[in-house]
Protein backbone atom coordinates (compact mmCIF):
# COMPACT_ATOMS: atom_id res chain seq x y z
CA MET A 1 29.89 -7.34 3.43
CA LEU A 2 29.58 -4.22 1.33
CA THR A 3 27.75 -4.63 -2.00
CA LEU A 4 27.56 -1.83 -4.56
CA ASN A 5 26.07 -1.70 -8.07
CA ARG A 6 25.98 0.45 -11.17
CA ARG A 7 23.97 0.37 -14.38
CA THR A 8 25.80 -0.50 -17.57
CA ASP A 9 25.29 1.17 -20.95
CA ASP A 10 23.12 -1.75 -22.09
CA ALA A 11 20.68 -1.32 -19.13
CA GLY A 12 22.26 -4.22 -17.24
CA TRP A 13 23.99 -4.13 -13.88
CA GLU A 14 27.50 -4.63 -12.55
CA TYR A 15 28.33 -5.37 -8.94
CA ARG A 16 31.28 -5.07 -6.63
CA GLU A 17 31.36 -6.45 -3.12
CA ALA A 18 33.99 -6.75 -0.45
CA TRP A 19 34.33 -8.34 2.97
CA PHE A 20 36.94 -9.35 5.49
CA ASP A 21 37.22 -13.09 6.11
CA GLU A 22 38.51 -13.24 9.67
CA GLU A 23 39.07 -16.99 9.63
CA ALA A 24 41.25 -16.85 6.50
CA GLY A 25 42.79 -13.47 7.36
CA GLU A 26 41.89 -12.13 3.92
CA PHE A 27 40.24 -9.06 2.46
CA VAL A 28 38.07 -10.39 -0.39
CA VAL A 29 36.74 -8.53 -3.44
CA HIS A 30 34.11 -10.11 -5.71
CA HIS A 31 32.88 -8.35 -8.86
CA GLY A 32 31.20 -8.94 -12.18
CA THR A 33 28.03 -8.57 -14.22
CA VAL A 34 24.79 -9.31 -12.37
CA GLY A 35 23.61 -12.77 -13.38
CA ARG A 36 27.02 -14.16 -14.34
CA ASN A 37 29.71 -15.77 -12.22
CA GLY A 38 31.94 -13.06 -10.86
CA THR A 39 35.65 -12.80 -10.33
CA ILE A 40 37.15 -13.02 -6.88
CA SER A 41 40.45 -11.80 -5.51
CA ALA A 42 41.83 -11.82 -2.00
CA GLU A 43 44.78 -10.34 -0.20
CA THR A 44 46.17 -11.28 3.16
CA ALA A 45 45.20 -8.72 5.78
CA GLY A 46 44.82 -8.38 9.49
CA ALA A 47 41.69 -7.20 11.24
CA GLU A 48 43.32 -3.81 11.82
CA GLN A 49 43.87 -3.37 8.06
CA ALA A 50 40.38 -4.51 7.05
CA GLU A 51 38.63 -1.21 7.80
CA THR A 52 41.23 0.78 5.85
CA LEU A 53 40.94 -1.61 2.89
CA LEU A 54 37.15 -1.40 3.02
CA GLU A 55 37.24 2.40 3.00
CA SER A 56 39.64 2.35 0.03
CA PHE A 57 37.31 -0.06 -1.74
CA ARG A 58 34.32 2.19 -1.00
CA ALA A 59 36.15 5.28 -2.29
CA GLN A 60 37.26 3.57 -5.52
CA CYS A 61 33.74 2.26 -6.12
CA ALA A 62 32.26 5.73 -5.60
CA ALA A 63 34.77 7.17 -8.08
CA ASP A 64 33.71 4.47 -10.57
CA GLY A 65 29.99 5.15 -10.11
CA PHE A 66 29.07 2.19 -7.89
CA VAL A 67 26.45 2.88 -5.20
CA ALA A 68 24.24 0.91 -2.82
CA PRO A 69 21.19 -0.45 -4.63
CA ASP A 70 18.21 1.89 -4.52
CA PRO A 71 15.44 0.12 -2.56
CA GLU A 72 12.98 1.27 -5.25
CA GLU A 73 14.88 -0.77 -7.86
CA LEU A 74 15.07 -3.96 -5.80
CA ILE A 75 12.56 -6.68 -6.61
CA GLY A 76 11.31 -8.78 -3.69
CA LEU A 77 11.13 -12.49 -4.46
CA GLU A 78 10.51 -15.54 -2.35
CA VAL A 79 11.64 -19.12 -2.81
CA VAL A 80 8.85 -21.37 -1.53
CA TYR A 81 9.01 -25.03 -0.49
CA PRO A 82 5.47 -26.21 0.41
CA LEU A 83 5.17 -28.58 3.36
CA LYS A 84 2.98 -31.67 3.41
CA GLY A 85 1.86 -31.07 7.01
CA THR A 86 1.90 -28.39 9.66
CA THR A 87 5.58 -28.90 10.47
CA PRO A 88 8.46 -30.07 8.28
CA GLY A 89 9.45 -33.72 8.50
CA ALA A 90 13.09 -34.82 8.48
CA ALA A 91 13.15 -35.28 4.68
CA GLU A 92 11.55 -31.86 4.14
CA GLU A 93 14.08 -30.22 6.48
CA ARG A 94 16.91 -31.86 4.53
CA ASN A 95 15.40 -30.73 1.22
CA VAL A 96 14.89 -27.16 2.40
CA THR A 97 18.49 -27.06 3.66
CA GLN A 98 19.74 -28.32 0.27
CA VAL A 99 17.63 -25.78 -1.64
CA HIS A 100 18.71 -22.93 0.65
CA THR A 101 22.41 -23.78 0.49
CA ALA A 102 22.46 -24.25 -3.30
CA ALA A 103 20.33 -21.19 -4.11
CA LEU A 104 22.22 -18.98 -1.65
CA THR A 105 25.54 -19.93 -3.23
CA TRP A 106 24.40 -19.66 -6.84
CA LEU A 107 22.73 -16.27 -6.29
CA ALA A 108 25.64 -14.80 -4.33
CA TRP A 109 28.33 -15.75 -6.85
CA ARG A 110 26.30 -14.07 -9.59
CA GLY A 111 25.63 -10.83 -7.73
CA LEU A 112 21.90 -11.53 -7.57
CA GLY A 113 21.38 -10.93 -3.85
CA ALA A 114 21.51 -12.72 -0.53
CA LEU A 115 18.86 -15.35 0.14
CA GLN A 116 17.45 -15.12 3.66
CA ASP A 117 17.17 -18.13 5.97
CA PRO A 118 14.03 -20.27 5.59
CA VAL A 119 11.02 -19.25 7.68
CA GLN A 120 7.93 -21.37 8.12
CA THR A 121 4.78 -19.48 7.14
CA GLU A 122 1.37 -19.98 5.58
CA ARG A 123 1.14 -19.85 1.80
CA ASP A 124 -2.02 -20.60 -0.17
CA GLY A 125 -3.77 -22.14 2.83
CA SER A 126 -0.99 -24.49 3.89
CA GLN A 127 2.41 -24.33 5.55
CA ALA A 128 5.60 -23.67 3.57
CA MET A 129 9.24 -22.85 4.14
CA VAL A 130 9.87 -19.44 2.58
CA MET A 131 13.21 -17.79 1.78
CA ALA A 132 13.14 -14.06 0.91
CA LEU A 133 15.41 -12.38 -1.64
CA ASP A 134 15.86 -8.80 -2.85
CA THR A 135 17.39 -8.65 -6.32
CA LEU A 136 17.99 -6.25 -9.19
CA HIS A 137 17.06 -8.82 -11.85
CA ARG A 138 13.94 -10.98 -11.42
CA ARG A 139 14.37 -13.23 -14.47
CA LYS A 140 18.02 -14.01 -13.83
CA ALA A 141 17.38 -14.66 -10.12
CA THR A 142 14.46 -16.98 -10.92
CA GLU A 143 16.50 -18.89 -13.52
CA THR A 144 19.45 -19.13 -11.13
CA VAL A 145 17.32 -20.56 -8.32
CA ALA A 146 15.87 -23.14 -10.74
CA ALA A 147 19.37 -24.17 -11.85
CA ALA A 148 20.55 -24.33 -8.25
CA VAL A 149 17.64 -26.61 -7.31
CA ARG A 150 18.42 -28.88 -10.28
CA SER A 151 21.95 -29.25 -8.88
CA THR A 152 20.48 -30.91 -5.76
CA ASP A 153 18.50 -34.12 -5.42
CA VAL A 154 15.34 -32.15 -4.57
CA GLN A 155 12.44 -32.51 -7.00
CA PRO A 156 12.49 -29.19 -8.93
CA THR A 157 8.68 -29.07 -9.10
CA ARG A 158 8.57 -28.85 -5.28
CA VAL A 159 10.14 -25.37 -5.33
CA ARG A 160 8.70 -22.20 -6.79
CA VAL A 161 9.93 -18.63 -7.02
CA SER A 162 7.39 -15.83 -6.93
CA ARG A 163 7.16 -12.11 -6.42
CA ARG A 164 6.97 -11.27 -2.74
CA SER A 165 3.71 -9.55 -1.78
CA GLN A 166 4.09 -6.02 -0.46
CA ASP A 167 3.58 -5.81 3.31
């Protein structure tokens, strides 16, 4: 997937992304304002056409001022699900999967970044499942994760979003 962004006149962000869906045989373009549901379009294409379409997409984006996000502008966040013990139980694994799936989907369709897979790690002296995210908009990403969690049957107070510490 290729994701490109540009600043808008009102200090916001727009995004454009494209990818080839091999299974569907489609070249997909998704675009919009960061933090809002984007628009998607797809055209039937073969694998041999995908690279040409991607290069055309890249060229049009460059002409329109879209570039890869500057790492300096990305904000590192983490979605944290604390565990009750040293390893996740079956219910915790199910909850983490629900949170990850919902948050990943909600963030992606709003151009807010790709949520990484959960990794077990220590947080605040106990074990937690942590999912990393790099985003251009902290507030919108945090609000989107909260809304995504509310769409599941996971207790919203079990999940927190915080700024990722610098390594």
